[in-house]
Every structure is written in C-alpha cells, then in structure tokens.
Amino acid sequence: MPSSNPRARHFPPPMSSTSLSPEGEEVAEEEQVVTPWEVSAKQGGKIDYGKLIDQFGCQRLDQSLIDRVQRLTNRPPHVFLRRGVFFAHRDFTDILDAYERGDKFYLYTGRGPSSEALHLGHLVPFMFTKYLQDAFKVPLVIQLTDDEKCMWKNLSVEESQRLARENAKDLIACGFDISRTFIFCDFDYVGGAFYKNMVRVAKCVTYNKVVGIFGFTGEDHIGKVSFPPVQAVPSFPSSFPHLFSGRENLRCLIPCAIDQDPYFRMTRDVAPRIGYSKPSLIESTFFPALQGETGKMSASDSNSAIYVTDTAKDIKNKINKYAFSGGQDTIEKQRKFGANLEVDIPIKYLEFFLDDDAELEQIRREYGAGHLLTGEVKKRVIEVLTELVERHRRARAAVTDEMVDAFMAVRPLPNMFS
C-alpha cells in the first residue's frame, strides 16, 4: 500500500473554507489533507471523518449494519466495529446481501513493506481482516507491494523483497488461516492473468485522470504513474486463476484505512467497463500518533509510534513521555475539573485495544470526572499494549521461512469456503 510522496498531494483535494484576501478575492484555507501519501489536520486539529465521508462519497457504517453482521455471523461484533474504528463503507450492504443469499465473497488487503518492523497502526487492518475471515469463513489475498516501495522509497529491488518477507512474518503472526489465505509479493506474482487485468485497467485511465487522482508531476518517474493498476486488480477474482477459476463473479471486500480510498474509487470506476463487479470497501479511521490526533501514527518517527518490536520498557517510556494527555497539569485541577477525553491519547488507545466495554466505560467516566489521574490511566494503557505486543512477538517468533513459503505458494485453497 502507498507511502509518502511529497509531490502527490492533489487528490483528494484538501477540504477547505474560504476567506477574503486584502484585495477582496476569495482565498481557500486548507483544512485537512487525506491522501494515500499524506494525512494531516488543520493547525494541529483532528481529522474530521464526517467531512471525509461527504468529500469521498462513501457511506457511514451505522448500527443497523453492525447488528446485521452479528446476526449473520453468530458472533459478537469486533471491538473495531463496536467503537467506530471501522466507520465507513462502499457497498458493504451488497456484500451482506450476497452472503445472506448464500453467495460467498473474498477479502483483499495489503501492506507496503517499507520498514523492518510494523507499528500498532499497521496491525489494525490486519487484526480486523482476521476477524472478517474467521467470522464469514472466506478466502483472503494479501498483497505486499514491494515494487511500489522500491519506487517510492528509493529502495533496491533486493531490499524491498527482503522487507516484504519480514513483514509477511508479522502478518502471519496475526493468525490468518493458511487454508484460506494467499500472500503474494508483486515482484514474484505479477504476470499472466494478473498482468492482463493490469493492462485492461491501464487502458481505461487516462494520463490526465491519474494525474488528477494522485497528483503526479513531470518530475515523477513513469513507474509511479504506472503503479495504480497493480493495486487495483487484486480486487478482481480473475487475477488469481489458481484460486478462483470458474468464480469470476465472486465479490471482493477490501478492509483498509480511508486514505486508500482514492485507489479504489479509480478501481470502482473502471470495473464495470471491463466486465467486473465493483469491489466493496470497509474503511477505518487512523490510529493516532502518540503526540495527538493531527494525523496517523508514522513509521518515519519512532517517537510517534509503538512498534511490535518495542520492549515493555520501550512501551512504558513512550507512553509516559510522549502520549498526549487530556488531563490537567496538577493533581488539584484534575480532581476538580477532570480530563478532556476528546484529546487524550491513552483513552484513544484503550478504545482501540481494551476489549472490555464495561472497564473502558468505567475508566472514561472516572477519568473524565477527575477520580482517576493521568498516571493511573497511562499505567493501564501500558499494561494493555505490553500484553498485545508480547503476544504478537511470541507469535512472530514461531513463524518460520517455511511457513512464509507455504502462505505464498501458488496453490489451490481447497477449504477456502468451508
């Protein structure tokens, strides 16, 4: 999945208001930028997800859909559904309609392997994808865009491939079912039916359109301009003949963060023109940086992120030193006024990873009323995150190179719908 490109900032256009210049002309004031390459809010504020829904033209994931998922799967909704982490969708209703008729679908998500270790924000879509795979008992394809990272991050081909395999170990550690999961690297897999679909997509997207969508300039090399079809075509089942031969009408559901939406708006526009169904999306908010909700956690700033390789000591130090607090600056003021929960990062992290709804509500109530101090809340966050990271580290340590090879083997998945 895409990473930072300082030039690619033109689509989706930042939301803006207008003001008057000294000459009386209207001047746009940038409010927030959300693209596959950059996420930032206006003047240190928060991302406005309601405005994103309006701007992108997606739909809000409401309680009726969450209740329907619970009814169809006979299991409690994932914490990311209950708490609005996954908050928007495109045609998720169609996926549920098909499933209720007895028609299966498949999942597609991905990772751009640009770093050795993942941070907790990277894990969010994969944790949710595992829940979807288990709940609906459907196959999953995971794309590792080692080619894209080679082009955007100026990595060598060999280093991009190495990072892809290392990242694959972290993904496998999330617990995906090997009998229903195919992980592939672009450098290894692109060709054949996959490449044919890339060409079909490429012929439908003009140069002007791709510049408008992704903001490429004359200074960008042609590899960047040619990349979008690579990320588009895993949403077409015919790209995987070893998995879906004879199932070319199978629907695809893509769990992803909302900054990936431009890629799949392009895909959904093209799909009917080349005879394929539009992929459906279920989209998440961003996991906030330790310093606050002005954007998403960044792999380029180690002090903004909790990594799956961090020790218990690292986690404790980062939370205590960097996690932005909505609590008051003295004990006396905290007891009197309580904390501002809307800006408190420890509370945000508990909303992501503390599964117990009753405990979370108690912490929110007592912290907001001043009965709990910031240090007490941070202590609980440290416990929750340390347990999560230690559990992941143990699972990853058990992943061998042979297991990676097995997940990446081009083979049928005979039990993928059972």
Protein backbone atom coordinates (compact mmCIF):
# COMPACT_ATOMS: atom_id res chain seq x y z
CA MET A 1 0.00 0.00 0.00
CA PRO A 2 1.26 3.50 -0.79
CA SER A 3 3.61 5.55 1.32
CA SER A 4 4.89 9.12 1.48
CA ASN A 5 5.34 11.02 -1.74
CA PRO A 6 5.73 14.75 -1.14
CA ARG A 7 4.50 15.63 -4.62
CA ALA A 8 1.37 13.51 -4.58
CA ARG A 9 -0.89 15.82 -2.65
CA HIS A 10 -3.52 16.89 -5.14
CA PHE A 11 -6.24 14.26 -4.74
CA PRO A 12 -8.43 14.02 -2.89
CA PRO A 13 -8.25 17.83 -2.70
CA PRO A 14 -7.92 19.09 0.84
CA MET A 15 -11.16 20.23 2.36
CA SER A 16 -11.18 23.98 2.57
CA SER A 17 -13.15 27.01 3.55
CA THR A 18 -12.77 30.43 2.02
CA SER A 19 -11.73 33.83 3.29
CA LEU A 20 -11.13 37.18 1.63
CA SER A 21 -7.68 38.37 0.66
CA PRO A 22 -6.72 42.01 1.25
CA GLU A 23 -7.76 42.59 -2.37
CA GLY A 24 -11.21 41.17 -1.68
CA GLU A 25 -10.65 37.90 -3.56
CA GLU A 26 -11.70 34.56 -2.14
CA VAL A 27 -8.78 32.52 -0.87
CA ALA A 28 -9.08 28.83 0.02
CA GLU A 29 -7.95 27.87 3.50
CA GLU A 30 -6.71 24.33 3.71
CA GLU A 31 -8.38 22.37 6.50
CA GLN A 32 -7.09 18.83 6.20
CA VAL A 33 -5.25 16.61 3.75
CA VAL A 34 -6.05 12.91 3.45
CA THR A 35 -4.36 11.08 0.57
CA PRO A 36 -2.61 7.72 0.17
CA TRP A 37 0.63 9.58 0.92
CA GLU A 38 -0.22 12.21 3.49
CA VAL A 39 -2.63 12.62 6.39
CA SER A 40 -2.74 15.91 8.28
CA ALA A 41 -5.33 18.03 10.01
CA LYS A 42 -5.58 21.81 10.01
CA GLN A 43 -3.41 23.68 12.51
CA GLY A 44 -2.92 20.74 14.84
CA GLY A 45 -6.60 19.84 14.95
CA LYS A 46 -8.29 16.48 14.50
CA ILE A 47 -9.23 14.69 11.29
CA ASP A 48 -12.92 15.36 10.58
CA TYR A 49 -14.20 11.94 9.49
CA GLY A 50 -17.72 13.21 8.89
CA LYS A 51 -16.38 15.63 6.29
CA LEU A 52 -14.32 12.83 4.77
CA ILE A 53 -17.47 10.78 4.25
CA ASP A 54 -19.09 13.73 2.48
CA GLN A 55 -16.00 14.51 0.41
CA PHE A 56 -15.21 10.95 -0.64
CA GLY A 57 -18.84 9.98 -1.20
CA CYS A 58 -18.77 6.83 0.90
CA GLN A 59 -21.41 5.76 3.43
CA ARG A 60 -21.37 5.75 7.21
CA LEU A 61 -21.23 2.31 8.83
CA ASP A 62 -24.27 2.54 11.07
CA GLN A 63 -25.53 0.39 13.93
CA SER A 64 -28.01 -1.48 11.73
CA LEU A 65 -25.12 -2.87 9.64
CA ILE A 66 -23.17 -3.84 12.76
CA ASP A 67 -26.24 -5.65 14.11
CA ARG A 68 -26.64 -7.39 10.77
CA VAL A 69 -23.04 -8.61 10.83
CA GLN A 70 -23.63 -10.04 14.29
CA ARG A 71 -26.80 -11.81 13.14
CA LEU A 72 -25.19 -13.28 10.02
CA THR A 73 -22.01 -14.47 11.75
CA ASN A 74 -23.44 -15.50 15.12
CA ARG A 75 -20.57 -13.85 16.94
CA PRO A 76 -20.12 -10.55 18.76
CA PRO A 77 -19.01 -7.63 16.60
CA HIS A 78 -15.31 -6.90 16.67
CA VAL A 79 -14.23 -4.12 19.02
CA PHE A 80 -13.26 -2.07 15.95
CA LEU A 81 -16.88 -2.24 14.79
CA ARG A 82 -18.40 -1.59 18.20
CA ARG A 83 -16.30 1.52 18.74
CA GLY A 84 -16.41 3.02 15.26
CA VAL A 85 -12.79 2.37 14.28
CA PHE A 86 -14.18 0.99 11.02
CA PHE A 87 -16.69 3.73 10.34
CA ALA A 88 -17.35 3.99 6.59
CA HIS A 89 -18.03 1.69 3.66
CA ARG A 90 -18.75 1.35 -0.02
CA ASP A 91 -21.38 -1.25 -0.90
CA PHE A 92 -20.82 -3.32 2.23
CA THR A 93 -24.59 -3.83 2.18
CA ASP A 94 -24.24 -5.60 -1.18
CA ILE A 95 -21.67 -7.98 0.33
CA LEU A 96 -24.03 -8.81 3.20
CA ASP A 97 -26.97 -9.23 0.80
CA ALA A 98 -24.95 -11.70 -1.29
CA TYR A 99 -23.76 -13.56 1.79
CA GLU A 100 -27.31 -13.85 3.09
CA ARG A 101 -28.34 -15.37 -0.26
CA GLY A 102 -25.64 -17.98 0.18
CA ASP A 103 -23.07 -16.36 -2.11
CA LYS A 104 -19.53 -16.12 -0.78
CA PHE A 105 -17.01 -13.32 -1.28
CA TYR A 106 -13.29 -12.89 -0.74
CA LEU A 107 -11.17 -10.40 1.18
CA TYR A 108 -8.30 -8.35 -0.16
CA THR A 109 -5.95 -6.14 1.81
CA GLY A 110 -2.29 -5.21 1.60
CA ARG A 111 0.88 -3.84 3.07
CA GLY A 112 3.64 -1.68 1.62
CA PRO A 113 6.85 -3.16 3.08
CA SER A 114 8.95 -0.07 3.73
CA SER A 115 10.28 -0.86 7.20
CA GLU A 116 11.64 -3.79 9.15
CA ALA A 117 9.00 -3.66 11.87
CA LEU A 118 5.32 -2.79 11.94
CA HIS A 119 3.76 -0.37 14.40
CA LEU A 120 0.36 -0.82 16.02
CA GLY A 121 -1.36 1.31 13.37
CA HIS A 122 -0.17 -1.15 10.72
CA LEU A 123 -1.72 -4.04 12.65
CA VAL A 124 -5.22 -2.54 12.87
CA PRO A 125 -6.49 -3.54 9.37
CA PHE A 126 -4.95 -6.99 9.66
CA MET A 127 -6.48 -7.66 13.08
CA PHE A 128 -9.86 -6.69 11.65
CA THR A 129 -9.32 -8.70 8.46
CA LYS A 130 -8.61 -11.79 10.54
CA TYR A 131 -11.92 -11.26 12.33
CA LEU A 132 -13.74 -10.98 9.00
CA GLN A 133 -12.05 -14.11 7.66
CA ASP A 134 -12.97 -16.09 10.77
CA ALA A 135 -16.50 -14.72 11.04
CA PHE A 136 -17.53 -15.20 7.39
CA LYS A 137 -15.22 -18.16 6.62
CA VAL A 138 -13.96 -16.69 3.35
CA PRO A 139 -10.63 -16.62 1.50
CA LEU A 140 -8.18 -13.75 1.73
CA VAL A 141 -5.47 -12.38 -0.55
CA ILE A 142 -2.79 -10.11 0.92
CA GLN A 143 -0.70 -8.02 -1.46
CA LEU A 144 2.83 -6.97 -0.47
CA THR A 145 3.68 -4.06 -2.75
CA ASP A 146 7.45 -4.47 -2.75
CA ASP A 147 7.57 -2.93 -6.24
CA GLU A 148 5.80 0.22 -5.08
CA LYS A 149 8.11 0.68 -2.11
CA CYS A 150 11.12 0.18 -4.36
CA MET A 151 9.87 3.10 -6.47
CA TRP A 152 8.60 5.45 -3.75
CA LYS A 153 11.20 4.85 -1.05
CA ASN A 154 14.21 4.52 -3.33
CA LEU A 155 14.92 1.03 -2.01
CA SER A 156 16.75 -1.54 -4.07
CA VAL A 157 14.76 -4.40 -5.54
CA GLU A 158 16.57 -6.83 -3.25
CA GLU A 159 15.93 -4.77 -0.09
CA SER A 160 12.25 -4.35 -0.97
CA GLN A 161 11.92 -8.11 -1.39
CA ARG A 162 13.66 -8.76 1.91
CA LEU A 163 11.39 -6.35 3.78
CA ALA A 164 8.35 -7.96 2.17
CA ARG A 165 9.24 -11.37 3.60
CA GLU A 166 9.98 -9.86 7.01
CA ASN A 167 6.63 -8.07 7.01
CA ALA A 168 4.91 -11.27 5.88
CA LYS A 169 6.05 -12.88 9.15
CA ASP A 170 4.27 -10.15 11.11
CA LEU A 171 1.10 -10.65 9.07
CA ILE A 172 1.17 -14.42 9.52
CA ALA A 173 1.59 -13.81 13.26
CA CYS A 174 -1.86 -12.19 13.25
CA GLY A 175 -3.25 -15.71 12.99
CA PHE A 176 -4.63 -15.99 9.47
CA ASP A 177 -5.93 -19.38 8.37
CA ILE A 178 -3.38 -20.85 5.94
CA SER A 179 -6.09 -22.96 4.30
CA ARG A 180 -7.89 -19.75 3.24
CA THR A 181 -5.02 -17.24 2.78
CA PHE A 182 -2.72 -16.38 -0.11
CA ILE A 183 0.05 -13.82 0.50
CA PHE A 184 1.92 -12.57 -2.55
CA CYS A 185 4.70 -10.14 -3.40
CA ASP A 186 4.27 -8.14 -6.58
CA PHE A 187 7.82 -8.83 -7.76
CA ASP A 188 7.11 -12.56 -7.63
CA TYR A 189 3.48 -12.80 -8.69
CA VAL A 190 2.71 -10.08 -11.26
CA GLY A 191 2.28 -11.69 -14.68
CA GLY A 192 -0.20 -13.89 -16.51
CA ALA A 193 -3.85 -13.20 -15.71
CA PHE A 194 -2.89 -10.59 -13.11
CA TYR A 195 -0.92 -8.59 -15.67
CA LYS A 196 -3.69 -8.90 -18.26
CA ASN A 197 -6.06 -7.23 -15.81
CA MET A 198 -3.49 -4.52 -15.14
CA VAL A 199 -3.41 -3.72 -18.84
CA ARG A 200 -7.22 -3.68 -19.02
CA VAL A 201 -7.34 -1.15 -16.17
CA ALA A 202 -4.48 0.94 -17.56
CA LYS A 203 -6.26 1.35 -20.91
CA CYS A 204 -9.28 2.84 -19.13
CA VAL A 205 -7.43 5.50 -17.11
CA THR A 206 -6.04 8.49 -18.99
CA TYR A 207 -2.84 10.23 -18.03
CA ASN A 208 -4.81 13.36 -17.09
CA LYS A 209 -7.06 11.32 -14.84
CA VAL A 210 -4.24 9.59 -13.00
CA VAL A 211 -2.55 12.97 -12.51
CA GLY A 212 -5.81 14.35 -11.15
CA ILE A 213 -6.27 11.41 -8.79
CA PHE A 214 -2.74 11.04 -7.49
CA GLY A 215 -1.08 14.37 -8.19
CA PHE A 216 1.87 13.07 -10.20
CA THR A 217 4.06 15.75 -11.75
CA GLY A 218 6.56 15.93 -14.57
CA GLU A 219 9.29 15.22 -12.02
CA ASP A 220 7.85 11.82 -11.07
CA HIS A 221 9.26 8.82 -12.88
CA ILE A 222 6.93 6.76 -15.04
CA GLY A 223 6.99 3.84 -12.61
CA LYS A 224 4.82 5.82 -10.22
CA VAL A 225 2.31 6.66 -12.94
CA SER A 226 2.04 3.01 -13.92
CA PHE A 227 1.59 1.65 -10.40
CA PRO A 228 -2.14 2.25 -9.60
CA PRO A 229 -3.40 -0.70 -11.71
CA VAL A 230 -1.15 -3.00 -9.67
CA GLN A 231 -3.07 -2.14 -6.51
CA ALA A 232 -6.40 -2.19 -8.32
CA VAL A 233 -6.54 -5.65 -9.86
CA PRO A 234 -6.35 -7.90 -6.77
CA SER A 235 -10.00 -6.84 -6.35
CA PHE A 236 -10.85 -8.88 -9.48
CA PRO A 237 -11.04 -12.65 -8.85
CA SER A 238 -9.76 -13.47 -12.34
CA SER A 239 -6.37 -12.08 -11.22
CA PHE A 240 -5.97 -15.29 -9.20
CA PRO A 241 -6.83 -18.20 -11.51
CA HIS A 242 -5.22 -20.72 -9.15
CA LEU A 243 -7.75 -19.67 -6.50
CA PHE A 244 -10.90 -18.53 -8.26
CA SER A 245 -11.06 -20.23 -11.65
CA GLY A 246 -14.74 -20.55 -12.54
CA ARG A 247 -15.68 -17.96 -9.88
CA GLU A 248 -15.08 -14.80 -11.91
CA ASN A 249 -18.25 -13.20 -10.49
CA LEU A 250 -17.07 -13.51 -6.88
CA ARG A 251 -17.41 -10.22 -5.00
CA CYS A 252 -14.44 -8.64 -3.21
CA LEU A 253 -14.41 -6.80 0.13
CA ILE A 254 -11.42 -4.59 0.96
CA PRO A 255 -10.73 -3.64 4.61
CA CYS A 256 -8.41 -0.62 4.64
CA ALA A 257 -7.78 2.79 6.14
CA ILE A 258 -9.72 5.57 4.47
CA ASP A 259 -6.59 7.14 2.96
CA GLN A 260 -6.54 4.25 0.47
CA ASP A 261 -9.98 5.22 -0.86
CA PRO A 262 -8.66 7.06 -3.99
CA TYR A 263 -7.13 3.85 -5.37
CA PHE A 264 -10.41 2.04 -5.15
CA ARG A 265 -12.57 4.88 -6.39
CA MET A 266 -10.47 4.58 -9.53
CA THR A 267 -10.95 0.79 -9.47
CA ARG A 268 -14.70 1.02 -8.97
CA ASP A 269 -14.97 3.46 -11.86
CA VAL A 270 -13.11 1.12 -14.20
CA ALA A 271 -14.51 -2.26 -13.09
CA PRO A 272 -17.89 -2.21 -14.94
CA ARG A 273 -16.17 -1.00 -18.11
CA ILE A 274 -14.05 -4.16 -18.26
CA GLY A 275 -16.79 -6.56 -17.14
CA TYR A 276 -16.05 -6.89 -13.42
CA SER A 277 -18.00 -6.16 -10.24
CA LYS A 278 -17.04 -3.11 -8.25
CA PRO A 279 -15.09 -4.03 -5.12
CA SER A 280 -16.71 -3.15 -1.80
CA LEU A 281 -14.78 -1.38 0.94
CA ILE A 282 -14.95 -1.15 4.72
CA GLU A 283 -12.78 1.72 5.91
CA SER A 284 -11.13 2.67 9.18
CA THR A 285 -10.05 5.78 10.98
CA PHE A 286 -6.35 6.33 11.60
CA PHE A 287 -4.53 5.04 14.64
CA PRO A 288 -3.32 8.29 16.21
CA ALA A 289 0.27 9.22 16.90
CA LEU A 290 1.39 9.44 20.50
CA GLN A 291 1.57 13.21 20.19
CA GLY A 292 -2.10 13.59 19.23
CA GLU A 293 -4.79 13.12 16.60
CA THR A 294 -3.46 15.53 13.99
CA GLY A 295 -2.71 12.59 11.72
CA LYS A 296 -1.86 8.91 11.80
CA MET A 297 0.95 7.07 13.54
CA SER A 298 4.08 7.35 11.37
CA ALA A 299 6.78 4.76 10.80
CA SER A 300 9.20 7.58 9.98
CA ASP A 301 9.05 8.99 13.54
CA SER A 302 9.93 6.33 16.11
CA ASN A 303 8.69 8.53 18.95
CA SER A 304 5.23 8.80 17.38
CA ALA A 305 4.66 5.06 17.30
CA ILE A 306 4.53 1.88 19.34
CA TYR A 307 6.27 -0.88 17.37
CA VAL A 308 5.67 -4.60 17.60
CA THR A 309 9.41 -4.88 18.35
CA ASP A 310 9.28 -2.48 21.30
CA THR A 311 10.18 -3.92 24.70
CA ALA A 312 8.00 -3.47 27.76
CA LYS A 313 10.42 -0.76 28.87
CA ASP A 314 10.17 0.99 25.49
CA ILE A 315 6.37 0.99 25.67
CA LYS A 316 6.36 2.33 29.22
CA ASN A 317 8.80 5.12 28.36
CA LYS A 318 6.95 6.14 25.18
CA ILE A 319 3.53 6.25 26.84
CA ASN A 320 4.76 8.14 29.89
CA LYS A 321 6.89 10.60 27.91
CA TYR A 322 5.06 11.16 24.62
CA ALA A 323 1.39 10.13 24.94
CA PHE A 324 -0.58 13.37 24.81
CA SER A 325 -2.78 13.75 27.86
CA GLY A 326 -6.12 15.43 28.23
CA GLY A 327 -5.65 15.50 31.98
CA GLN A 328 -5.00 18.67 33.96
CA ASP A 329 -1.48 19.87 34.75
CA THR A 330 -1.86 19.50 38.52
CA ILE A 331 -3.49 16.90 40.73
CA GLU A 332 -5.70 19.56 42.27
CA LYS A 333 -7.03 20.71 38.89
CA GLN A 334 -7.51 17.13 37.73
CA ARG A 335 -9.57 16.31 40.82
CA LYS A 336 -11.64 19.45 40.28
CA PHE A 337 -12.10 19.58 36.51
CA GLY A 338 -11.32 16.08 35.24
CA ALA A 339 -9.73 15.15 31.90
CA ASN A 340 -10.65 16.17 28.37
CA LEU A 341 -11.29 12.73 26.90
CA GLU A 342 -11.61 14.05 23.36
CA VAL A 343 -7.89 14.76 23.07
CA ASP A 344 -6.47 12.16 25.46
CA ILE A 345 -4.30 9.63 23.59
CA PRO A 346 -4.22 7.00 26.37
CA ILE A 347 -8.03 6.89 26.21
CA LYS A 348 -7.88 6.63 22.40
CA TYR A 349 -5.52 3.66 22.62
CA LEU A 350 -7.78 1.94 25.14
CA GLU A 351 -10.70 2.47 22.76
CA PHE A 352 -8.75 0.51 20.14
CA PHE A 353 -7.32 -2.30 22.23
CA LEU A 354 -9.16 -2.71 25.55
CA ASP A 355 -11.83 -5.25 24.69
CA ASP A 356 -13.84 -4.95 27.92
CA ASP A 357 -16.57 -2.37 27.25
CA ALA A 358 -17.54 -2.10 30.92
CA GLU A 359 -13.98 -1.42 32.04
CA LEU A 360 -13.46 1.15 29.32
CA GLU A 361 -16.64 2.98 30.24
CA GLN A 362 -15.63 3.00 33.93
CA ILE A 363 -12.21 4.44 33.09
CA ARG A 364 -13.75 7.09 30.85
CA ARG A 365 -16.29 8.07 33.49
CA GLU A 366 -13.84 8.25 36.39
CA TYR A 367 -11.06 9.93 34.42
CA GLY A 368 -13.44 12.49 32.97
CA ALA A 369 -14.79 13.24 36.45
CA GLY A 370 -11.32 13.62 37.99
CA HIS A 371 -11.43 10.47 40.11
CA LEU A 372 -8.56 8.97 38.10
CA LEU A 373 -5.25 10.67 37.41
CA THR A 374 -3.36 10.65 34.12
CA GLY A 375 -0.66 8.39 35.53
CA GLU A 376 -3.24 5.78 36.51
CA VAL A 377 -4.77 5.74 33.03
CA LYS A 378 -1.35 5.56 31.39
CA LYS A 379 -0.48 2.62 33.64
CA ARG A 380 -3.48 0.69 32.31
CA VAL A 381 -2.61 1.57 28.70
CA ILE A 382 0.94 0.34 29.23
CA GLU A 383 -0.42 -2.97 30.54
CA VAL A 384 -2.79 -3.43 27.58
CA LEU A 385 -0.22 -2.53 24.93
CA THR A 386 2.56 -4.56 26.52
CA GLU A 387 0.34 -7.65 26.56
CA LEU A 388 -0.63 -7.08 22.91
CA VAL A 389 2.94 -6.58 21.72
CA GLU A 390 4.30 -9.51 23.75
CA ARG A 391 1.60 -11.79 22.35
CA HIS A 392 2.45 -10.67 18.82
CA ARG A 393 6.18 -11.11 19.41
CA ARG A 394 5.68 -14.69 20.60
CA ALA A 395 3.52 -15.50 17.58
CA ARG A 396 6.02 -13.95 15.18
CA ALA A 397 8.92 -15.85 16.71
CA ALA A 398 7.12 -19.06 15.77
CA VAL A 399 6.83 -18.08 12.09
CA THR A 400 9.49 -19.84 10.02
CA ASP A 401 10.69 -19.21 6.48
CA GLU A 402 8.96 -22.45 5.51
CA MET A 403 5.66 -21.02 6.79
CA VAL A 404 6.16 -17.88 4.72
CA ASP A 405 6.80 -20.07 1.66
CA ALA A 406 3.62 -22.02 2.38
CA PHE A 407 1.44 -18.89 2.61
CA MET A 408 3.00 -17.60 -0.62
CA ALA A 409 2.77 -20.84 -2.57
CA VAL A 410 0.69 -20.54 -5.74
CA ARG A 411 -1.67 -23.37 -4.95
CA PRO A 412 -5.42 -24.02 -4.73
CA LEU A 413 -7.09 -23.49 -1.37
CA PRO A 414 -9.46 -26.46 -1.21
CA ASN A 415 -11.05 -25.43 2.08
CA MET A 416 -11.31 -21.72 1.38
CA PHE A 417 -15.10 -21.58 1.65
CA SER A 418 -15.68 -24.33 4.21
